[in-house]
Each structure stands twice: as structure tokens, then as C-alpha cells.
Amino acid sequence: MQSAYRQTKDAATRTRYQAVMLYSQSYPVAEICQITGCHRNSMMEWCRKYRHYGVAGLTDHRGGAHRAKLSTEQVEALHDKLETYTPRDVLGPKTHTASGQHWTVEDLARAIKGWYGIVWNSRSSYHRLLARCGFTYQRTEKVYKSRREREVIDFEAQVEKN
């Protein structure tokens, strides 16, 4: 284990090795979690994997950029599209906001499904994608889509007269 710890360059795998080594040396679990920055459940799972699979069970198998649904080129193209077009340009009048001028998660999801045929199950995936494209989170408008502007103006004028 010491040899594998010294040879690995992957930080996540190195943390796992360190946690398991400290646990095998009877360090208190709370102290191991504080030293490594891991959660108790994760550390206990790593120890179980080490007992069952040995050092090979501790390698980091989480997905990274290679598991992304959009390639780097597609994200760059998406960035250009989001900068160039408004949701109303792409989706017509059926945008999530009344004006259709600002990208929302819902509008982005519909556009990506149309352009690339890709759907994520998590809203946070769309939030991260918007952030990668340089967009920041803004609260949506509090205007009903069915609002008739002309009638609202007439009503406000009528209220001012009275």
C-alpha cells in the first residue's frame, strides 16, 4: 500500500490510500476524516473495498470529462449559439419567460434536445453547462405569459384617472 501511495499521481486515489492506511493504524475515524477531508461513510466503503479487492479497489473510478455527453467542440459551438440567439429565436413563442430574451434551464434543455438529442436528468447539469458557457444565474421574470400588455396599460390608465 505504501508503494502504491507513493507512485500514484491521482489525488483522489492517494486520499483513499491514506485513509485506509490511517484506519489500519487504528487512528480514530473522526481524525481520519478530518485529515483526509472525506466523509465517514466514504472512508468505511474504501476500507471494505480494500479488504475485498486489495489496492485495485481503491482506484478512483468516477467519470470525468471523457464521460461528458457533449464534446469540447460541441460546448464551444453551444456557447456561440447561446450568445448569438435568444430563446425566442430558437424556440419561438413557447419560451419559459414571457420575453424569451434570457436563457433558462428549461429553455436550454429544449434547445439541447433539439440540437444534439441529449437530455440530462439533473437540473444541476444544465446549470453547470450554462456556467461553462459563461452565463450566470438570474431569477426569472415574474410575468404571466398570458398577460395582455395593451389591456394592462389600459387598466393602469383607468386607475390613474380615478
Protein backbone atom coordinates (compact mmCIF):
# COMPACT_ATOMS: atom_id res chain seq x y z
CA MET A 1 0.00 0.00 0.00
CA GLN A 2 2.84 2.42 0.84
CA SER A 3 4.40 1.80 -2.56
CA ALA A 4 1.11 2.38 -4.38
CA TYR A 5 0.57 5.57 -2.36
CA ARG A 6 3.97 6.97 -3.34
CA GLN A 7 3.62 6.01 -7.02
CA THR A 8 0.14 7.35 -7.75
CA LYS A 9 -0.31 10.82 -9.20
CA ASP A 10 -4.11 10.82 -8.84
CA ALA A 11 -5.10 12.91 -5.80
CA ALA A 12 -8.41 11.12 -5.15
CA THR A 13 -6.79 7.68 -5.20
CA ARG A 14 -3.99 8.96 -2.98
CA THR A 15 -6.54 10.20 -0.43
CA ARG A 16 -8.19 6.77 -0.41
CA TYR A 17 -4.84 5.07 0.21
CA GLN A 18 -4.06 7.49 3.01
CA ALA A 19 -7.44 6.99 4.71
CA VAL A 20 -7.17 3.19 4.60
CA MET A 21 -3.57 3.25 5.90
CA LEU A 22 -4.55 5.51 8.81
CA TYR A 23 -7.52 3.28 9.59
CA SER A 24 -5.27 0.21 9.62
CA GLN A 25 -3.01 2.02 12.11
CA SER A 26 -6.01 2.46 14.49
CA TYR A 27 -6.40 6.20 14.07
CA PRO A 28 -9.83 7.40 15.26
CA VAL A 29 -12.33 7.63 12.39
CA ALA A 30 -13.16 11.28 13.13
CA GLU A 31 -9.46 12.16 12.96
CA ILE A 32 -9.01 10.31 9.65
CA CYS A 33 -11.97 12.19 8.20
CA GLN A 34 -10.50 15.48 9.38
CA ILE A 35 -7.05 14.70 7.94
CA THR A 36 -8.27 13.45 4.56
CA GLY A 37 -11.37 15.63 4.19
CA CYS A 38 -13.56 12.63 3.46
CA HIS A 39 -16.91 11.60 4.91
CA ARG A 40 -17.06 8.69 7.35
CA ASN A 41 -19.27 6.63 5.02
CA SER A 42 -16.81 7.05 2.15
CA MET A 43 -13.88 6.02 4.30
CA MET A 44 -15.66 2.90 5.56
CA GLU A 45 -16.57 1.99 1.97
CA TRP A 46 -12.92 2.36 0.93
CA CYS A 47 -11.84 0.06 3.76
CA ARG A 48 -14.44 -2.50 2.68
CA LYS A 49 -13.23 -2.32 -0.94
CA TYR A 50 -9.61 -2.69 0.17
CA ARG A 51 -10.43 -5.82 2.19
CA HIS A 52 -12.37 -7.29 -0.74
CA TYR A 53 -10.29 -6.17 -3.80
CA GLY A 54 -6.95 -5.04 -2.39
CA VAL A 55 -5.20 -1.91 -3.67
CA ALA A 56 -7.03 -2.16 -7.02
CA GLY A 57 -10.32 -1.50 -5.23
CA LEU A 58 -9.15 1.95 -4.17
CA THR A 59 -8.54 3.48 -7.58
CA ASP A 60 -10.82 6.36 -8.48
CA HIS A 61 -13.47 5.17 -10.94
CA ARG A 62 -15.55 8.32 -11.08
CA GLY A 63 -16.36 9.67 -14.52
CA GLY A 64 -14.65 12.80 -15.75
CA ALA A 65 -14.58 14.87 -18.91
CA HIS A 66 -14.30 11.72 -21.04
CA ARG A 67 -17.78 10.74 -19.85
CA ALA A 68 -19.35 14.06 -20.78
CA LYS A 69 -22.31 13.94 -23.15
CA LEU A 70 -21.07 16.94 -25.14
CA SER A 71 -17.56 17.16 -26.56
CA THR A 72 -15.43 20.25 -26.04
CA GLU A 73 -16.16 21.32 -29.62
CA GLN A 74 -19.90 20.92 -29.06
CA VAL A 75 -19.75 23.02 -25.88
CA GLU A 76 -17.88 25.73 -27.80
CA ALA A 77 -20.50 25.63 -30.57
CA LEU A 78 -23.25 25.74 -27.94
CA HIS A 79 -21.59 28.78 -26.36
CA ASP A 80 -21.65 30.55 -29.73
CA LYS A 81 -25.31 29.63 -30.29
CA LEU A 82 -26.35 30.84 -26.83
CA GLU A 83 -24.50 34.11 -27.36
CA THR A 84 -25.94 34.60 -30.85
CA TYR A 85 -29.57 33.56 -30.40
CA THR A 86 -32.21 34.24 -27.79
CA PRO A 87 -34.57 31.52 -26.62
CA ARG A 88 -37.34 33.18 -28.65
CA ASP A 89 -35.18 32.91 -31.80
CA VAL A 90 -34.69 29.18 -31.23
CA LEU A 91 -37.92 28.07 -29.58
CA GLY A 92 -40.42 30.59 -30.87
CA PRO A 93 -43.13 31.92 -28.53
CA LYS A 94 -43.01 28.83 -26.29
CA THR A 95 -40.13 30.04 -24.13
CA HIS A 96 -40.06 29.76 -20.37
CA THR A 97 -40.02 33.54 -19.86
CA ALA A 98 -42.53 35.98 -21.28
CA SER A 99 -39.92 38.00 -23.18
CA GLY A 100 -37.89 35.00 -24.39
CA GLN A 101 -34.74 37.10 -24.14
CA HIS A 102 -32.84 35.19 -21.45
CA TRP A 103 -31.78 31.55 -21.31
CA THR A 104 -33.34 29.43 -18.57
CA VAL A 105 -32.64 25.82 -17.65
CA GLU A 106 -35.92 24.78 -19.24
CA ASP A 107 -35.20 26.64 -22.49
CA LEU A 108 -31.62 25.30 -22.58
CA ALA A 109 -32.89 21.74 -22.07
CA ARG A 110 -35.30 22.06 -25.00
CA ALA A 111 -32.65 23.63 -27.24
CA ILE A 112 -30.01 20.99 -26.45
CA LYS A 113 -32.50 18.20 -27.02
CA GLY A 114 -33.31 19.71 -30.42
CA TRP A 115 -29.73 20.46 -31.45
CA TYR A 116 -27.91 17.42 -30.05
CA GLY A 117 -30.62 14.95 -28.98
CA ILE A 118 -29.22 14.93 -25.43
CA VAL A 119 -31.14 15.06 -22.15
CA TRP A 120 -29.74 15.22 -18.60
CA ASN A 121 -31.77 14.01 -15.62
CA SER A 122 -30.40 16.68 -13.29
CA ARG A 123 -31.07 20.42 -13.42
CA SER A 124 -27.60 20.96 -11.98
CA SER A 125 -26.10 19.55 -15.19
CA TYR A 126 -27.77 22.36 -17.13
CA HIS A 127 -26.64 24.91 -14.52
CA ARG A 128 -23.02 23.72 -14.93
CA LEU A 129 -23.34 23.84 -18.70
CA LEU A 130 -24.66 27.41 -18.59
CA ALA A 131 -21.72 28.32 -16.33
CA ARG A 132 -19.25 26.67 -18.76
CA CYS A 133 -20.75 28.86 -21.49
CA GLY A 134 -20.18 32.00 -19.40
CA PHE A 135 -23.76 32.55 -18.26
CA THR A 136 -24.66 33.43 -14.68
CA TYR A 137 -27.78 32.58 -12.69
CA GLN A 138 -30.54 35.18 -12.76
CA ARG A 139 -34.02 34.96 -11.30
CA THR A 140 -36.70 34.62 -13.94
CA GLU A 141 -39.31 37.25 -14.66
CA LYS A 142 -42.47 37.29 -12.58
CA VAL A 143 -44.78 37.94 -15.53
CA TYR A 144 -47.55 35.68 -16.71
CA LYS A 145 -47.22 34.53 -20.32
CA SER A 146 -50.91 35.15 -20.90
CA ARG A 147 -50.64 38.79 -19.81
CA ARG A 148 -52.01 41.15 -22.43
CA GLU A 149 -49.86 44.29 -22.38
CA ARG A 150 -52.40 46.52 -24.08
CA GLU A 151 -55.09 45.60 -21.54
CA VAL A 152 -52.67 46.20 -18.66
CA ILE A 153 -51.79 49.66 -20.00
CA ASP A 154 -55.48 50.50 -20.40
CA PHE A 155 -56.21 49.26 -16.87
CA GLU A 156 -53.35 51.30 -15.36
CA ALA A 157 -54.54 54.38 -17.22
CA GLN A 158 -58.05 53.81 -15.88
CA VAL A 159 -56.71 53.50 -12.31
CA GLU A 160 -54.77 56.76 -12.65
CA LYS A 161 -57.89 58.60 -13.84
CA ASN A 162 -59.86 57.51 -10.78
